[in-house]
Amino acid sequence: MEGFRYHYDLEVRWSEVDAQRIVFNANYLMYLDLAYQEFFRSELRLYDDVPTTVIATSTQTFLKPARWRDKLSIWVRPKRIGNTSVTLEFLMTREGESIFRAETVYVHVDENGRPEPIPAFWRERLRAYQEEALA
């Protein structure tokens, strides 16, 4: 997908669909979370050192339903790196066709749930990734 370098693949399981055999809407956030974690672990090479984050906002656009046994690719890229947050863009595809888009803001928090600055190593990896993608 143009402008995206990383994607996480999955196949829709029976437990993720409703009676119409389409993905239950809450599962889209779970899919984004799986792609988010793998993006940080395998693409940014941060492994298990991902800072504690919470979702501040998530804007989602459903284009077409995903169905049981669909093979999906969830594309991820950083859009903005703030002081305490990072905004990621997601694009979900099925056989190359866009079916879902999202933009999610993740805020790094301390053990009390208060926002705190993103660690320097995390920021460096995200910036380098963005710069390579734009080159």
C-alpha atoms as a PDB file:
ATOM      1  CA  MET A   1       0.000   0.000   0.000  1.00  0.00           C
ATOM      2  CA  GLU A   2       1.387   3.340  -1.010  1.00  0.00           C
ATOM      3  CA  GLY A   3       3.113   5.223   1.803  1.00  0.00           C
ATOM      4  CA  PHE A   4       3.053   2.232   4.151  1.00  0.00           C
ATOM      5  CA  ARG A   5       6.021  -0.091   4.674  1.00  0.00           C
ATOM      6  CA  TYR A   6       4.855  -2.413   7.442  1.00  0.00           C
ATOM      7  CA  HIS A   7       1.825  -4.660   7.679  1.00  0.00           C
ATOM      8  CA  TYR A   8       0.579  -7.271  10.111  1.00  0.00           C
ATOM      9  CA  ASP A   9      -1.373 -10.199   8.651  1.00  0.00           C
ATOM     10  CA  LEU A  10      -4.149 -12.178  10.260  1.00  0.00           C
ATOM     11  CA  GLU A  11      -7.053 -14.439   9.378  1.00  0.00           C
ATOM     12  CA  VAL A  12     -10.462 -13.656  10.870  1.00  0.00           C
ATOM     13  CA  ARG A  13     -11.408 -16.344  13.391  1.00  0.00           C
ATOM     14  CA  TRP A  14     -14.894 -17.666  14.171  1.00  0.00           C
ATOM     15  CA  SER A  15     -14.907 -16.091  17.653  1.00  0.00           C
ATOM     16  CA  GLU A  16     -14.397 -12.618  16.101  1.00  0.00           C
ATOM     17  CA  VAL A  17     -17.557 -12.564  13.978  1.00  0.00           C
ATOM     18  CA  ASP A  18     -21.205 -11.996  14.816  1.00  0.00           C
ATOM     19  CA  ALA A  19     -24.308 -13.874  13.656  1.00  0.00           C
ATOM     20  CA  GLN A  20     -23.953 -12.432  10.136  1.00  0.00           C
ATOM     21  CA  ARG A  21     -20.386 -13.831  10.004  1.00  0.00           C
ATOM     22  CA  ILE A  22     -18.878 -10.354   9.770  1.00  0.00           C
ATOM     23  CA  VAL A  23     -16.284  -9.042  12.197  1.00  0.00           C
ATOM     24  CA  PHE A  24     -17.886  -7.627  15.321  1.00  0.00           C
ATOM     25  CA  ASN A  25     -17.021  -3.916  15.412  1.00  0.00           C
ATOM     26  CA  ALA A  26     -15.108  -3.994  18.739  1.00  0.00           C
ATOM     27  CA  ASN A  27     -12.661  -6.488  17.228  1.00  0.00           C
ATOM     28  CA  TYR A  28     -11.319  -3.871  14.832  1.00  0.00           C
ATOM     29  CA  LEU A  29      -9.669  -2.127  17.803  1.00  0.00           C
ATOM     30  CA  MET A  30      -8.178  -5.451  18.870  1.00  0.00           C
ATOM     31  CA  TYR A  31      -6.769  -5.899  15.352  1.00  0.00           C
ATOM     32  CA  LEU A  32      -5.244  -2.409  15.501  1.00  0.00           C
ATOM     33  CA  ASP A  33      -3.700  -3.225  18.875  1.00  0.00           C
ATOM     34  CA  LEU A  34      -2.144  -6.426  17.521  1.00  0.00           C
ATOM     35  CA  ALA A  35      -0.692  -4.514  14.561  1.00  0.00           C
ATOM     36  CA  TYR A  36       0.535  -1.735  16.896  1.00  0.00           C
ATOM     37  CA  GLN A  37       2.395  -4.176  19.146  1.00  0.00           C
ATOM     38  CA  GLU A  38       3.972  -6.049  16.235  1.00  0.00           C
ATOM     39  CA  PHE A  39       4.950  -2.803  14.530  1.00  0.00           C
ATOM     40  CA  PHE A  40       6.922  -1.803  17.628  1.00  0.00           C
ATOM     41  CA  ARG A  41       8.340  -5.282  18.232  1.00  0.00           C
ATOM     42  CA  SER A  42       9.287  -6.513  14.780  1.00  0.00           C
ATOM     43  CA  GLU A  43       9.535  -3.381  12.640  1.00  0.00           C
ATOM     44  CA  LEU A  44      11.010  -0.859  15.101  1.00  0.00           C
ATOM     45  CA  ARG A  45      12.917  -3.622  16.926  1.00  0.00           C
ATOM     46  CA  LEU A  46      11.808  -2.454  20.360  1.00  0.00           C
ATOM     47  CA  TYR A  47      10.798  -6.019  21.296  1.00  0.00           C
ATOM     48  CA  ASP A  48       9.230  -6.098  24.771  1.00  0.00           C
ATOM     49  CA  ASP A  49      10.444  -2.615  25.646  1.00  0.00           C
ATOM     50  CA  VAL A  50       7.358  -0.794  24.377  1.00  0.00           C
ATOM     51  CA  PRO A  51       6.406   1.966  26.831  1.00  0.00           C
ATOM     52  CA  THR A  52       3.054   1.803  28.565  1.00  0.00           C
ATOM     53  CA  THR A  53       0.487   3.571  26.422  1.00  0.00           C
ATOM     54  CA  VAL A  54      -3.223   4.222  26.422  1.00  0.00           C
ATOM     55  CA  ILE A  55      -5.455   5.165  23.527  1.00  0.00           C
ATOM     56  CA  ALA A  56      -6.452   8.818  23.789  1.00  0.00           C
ATOM     57  CA  THR A  57      -8.494   8.894  20.572  1.00  0.00           C
ATOM     58  CA  SER A  58      -9.218   6.622  17.666  1.00  0.00           C
ATOM     59  CA  THR A  59     -11.055   7.657  14.527  1.00  0.00           C
ATOM     60  CA  GLN A  60     -12.210   4.742  12.426  1.00  0.00           C
ATOM     61  CA  THR A  61     -13.739   4.538   8.972  1.00  0.00           C
ATOM     62  CA  PHE A  62     -15.413   1.312   7.894  1.00  0.00           C
ATOM     63  CA  LEU A  63     -15.437   0.887   4.125  1.00  0.00           C
ATOM     64  CA  LYS A  64     -16.469  -2.768   3.753  1.00  0.00           C
ATOM     65  CA  PRO A  65     -17.035  -5.540   6.287  1.00  0.00           C
ATOM     66  CA  ALA A  66     -14.421  -8.146   7.074  1.00  0.00           C
ATOM     67  CA  ARG A  67     -15.798 -11.672   7.210  1.00  0.00           C
ATOM     68  CA  TRP A  68     -15.005 -15.007   8.785  1.00  0.00           C
ATOM     69  CA  ARG A  69     -11.817 -16.509   7.311  1.00  0.00           C
ATOM     70  CA  ASP A  70     -10.851 -13.315   5.463  1.00  0.00           C
ATOM     71  CA  LYS A  71      -7.112 -12.845   5.274  1.00  0.00           C
ATOM     72  CA  LEU A  72      -6.408  -9.268   6.299  1.00  0.00           C
ATOM     73  CA  SER A  73      -3.338  -7.059   6.175  1.00  0.00           C
ATOM     74  CA  ILE A  74      -3.186  -4.206   8.666  1.00  0.00           C
ATOM     75  CA  TRP A  75      -0.788  -1.525   7.465  1.00  0.00           C
ATOM     76  CA  VAL A  76       0.780   0.795  10.061  1.00  0.00           C
ATOM     77  CA  ARG A  77       2.764   4.028   9.862  1.00  0.00           C
ATOM     78  CA  PRO A  78       3.555   6.869  12.244  1.00  0.00           C
ATOM     79  CA  LYS A  79       1.869  10.139  11.368  1.00  0.00           C
ATOM     80  CA  ARG A  80       2.896  12.451  14.214  1.00  0.00           C
ATOM     81  CA  ILE A  81       5.297  12.214  17.145  1.00  0.00           C
ATOM     82  CA  GLY A  82       4.390  14.540  20.004  1.00  0.00           C
ATOM     83  CA  ASN A  83       5.887  15.082  23.443  1.00  0.00           C
ATOM     84  CA  THR A  84       3.799  12.442  25.224  1.00  0.00           C
ATOM     85  CA  SER A  85       1.982  10.847  22.310  1.00  0.00           C
ATOM     86  CA  VAL A  86       2.341   9.257  18.916  1.00  0.00           C
ATOM     87  CA  THR A  87      -0.337   9.188  16.222  1.00  0.00           C
ATOM     88  CA  LEU A  88      -0.429   6.117  14.003  1.00  0.00           C
ATOM     89  CA  GLU A  89      -2.327   5.602  10.776  1.00  0.00           C
ATOM     90  CA  PHE A  90      -3.776   2.192   9.955  1.00  0.00           C
ATOM     91  CA  LEU A  91      -5.117   0.807   6.705  1.00  0.00           C
ATOM     92  CA  MET A  92      -6.759  -2.622   6.618  1.00  0.00           C
ATOM     93  CA  THR A  93      -6.875  -4.466   3.335  1.00  0.00           C
ATOM     94  CA  ARG A  94      -8.301  -7.701   2.014  1.00  0.00           C
ATOM     95  CA  GLU A  95      -6.632  -8.977  -1.162  1.00  0.00           C
ATOM     96  CA  GLY A  96      -5.279  -5.479  -1.797  1.00  0.00           C
ATOM     97  CA  GLU A  97      -8.649  -3.752  -1.373  1.00  0.00           C
ATOM     98  CA  SER A  98      -9.023  -1.132   1.387  1.00  0.00           C
ATOM     99  CA  ILE A  99     -11.796  -2.073   3.813  1.00  0.00           C
ATOM    100  CA  PHE A 100     -11.015  -0.028   6.955  1.00  0.00           C
ATOM    101  CA  ARG A 101      -8.978   3.028   7.975  1.00  0.00           C
ATOM    102  CA  ALA A 102      -8.079   4.392  11.381  1.00  0.00           C
ATOM    103  CA  GLU A 103      -6.012   7.078  13.036  1.00  0.00           C
ATOM    104  CA  THR A 104      -5.147   6.452  16.675  1.00  0.00           C
ATOM    105  CA  VAL A 105      -3.364   8.596  19.240  1.00  0.00           C
ATOM    106  CA  TYR A 106      -1.406   6.625  21.847  1.00  0.00           C
ATOM    107  CA  VAL A 107      -0.280   8.480  24.982  1.00  0.00           C
ATOM    108  CA  HIS A 108       2.693   7.257  27.020  1.00  0.00           C
ATOM    109  CA  VAL A 109       1.747   7.135  30.714  1.00  0.00           C
ATOM    110  CA  ASP A 110       3.480   6.538  34.028  1.00  0.00           C
ATOM    111  CA  GLU A 111       2.437   3.916  36.602  1.00  0.00           C
ATOM    112  CA  ASN A 112      -0.314   6.270  37.854  1.00  0.00           C
ATOM    113  CA  GLY A 113      -1.777   6.724  34.380  1.00  0.00           C
ATOM    114  CA  ARG A 114      -0.516  10.299  33.954  1.00  0.00           C
ATOM    115  CA  PRO A 115       0.971  11.340  30.614  1.00  0.00           C
ATOM    116  CA  GLU A 116       4.749  11.524  30.529  1.00  0.00           C
ATOM    117  CA  PRO A 117       7.266  12.180  27.743  1.00  0.00           C
ATOM    118  CA  ILE A 118       7.948   9.431  25.250  1.00  0.00           C
ATOM    119  CA  PRO A 119      11.325   7.820  26.029  1.00  0.00           C
ATOM    120  CA  ALA A 120      14.184   9.084  23.864  1.00  0.00           C
ATOM    121  CA  PHE A 121      14.985   5.665  22.327  1.00  0.00           C
ATOM    122  CA  TRP A 122      11.353   5.247  21.279  1.00  0.00           C
ATOM    123  CA  ARG A 123      11.255   8.732  19.749  1.00  0.00           C
ATOM    124  CA  GLU A 124      14.542   8.124  17.879  1.00  0.00           C
ATOM    125  CA  ARG A 125      13.287   4.888  16.315  1.00  0.00           C
ATOM    126  CA  LEU A 126       9.993   6.461  15.262  1.00  0.00           C
ATOM    127  CA  ARG A 127      11.687   9.514  13.732  1.00  0.00           C
ATOM    128  CA  ALA A 128      14.217   7.387  11.857  1.00  0.00           C
ATOM    129  CA  TYR A 129      11.404   5.185  10.548  1.00  0.00           C
ATOM    130  CA  GLN A 130       9.429   8.243   9.371  1.00  0.00           C
ATOM    131  CA  GLU A 131      12.482   9.761   7.682  1.00  0.00           C
ATOM    132  CA  GLU A 132      13.258   6.506   5.835  1.00  0.00           C
ATOM    133  CA  ALA A 133       9.639   6.233   4.708  1.00  0.00           C
ATOM    134  CA  LEU A 134       9.654   9.783   3.341  1.00  0.00           C
ATOM    135  CA  ALA A 135      13.026   9.416   1.575  1.00  0.00           C
END
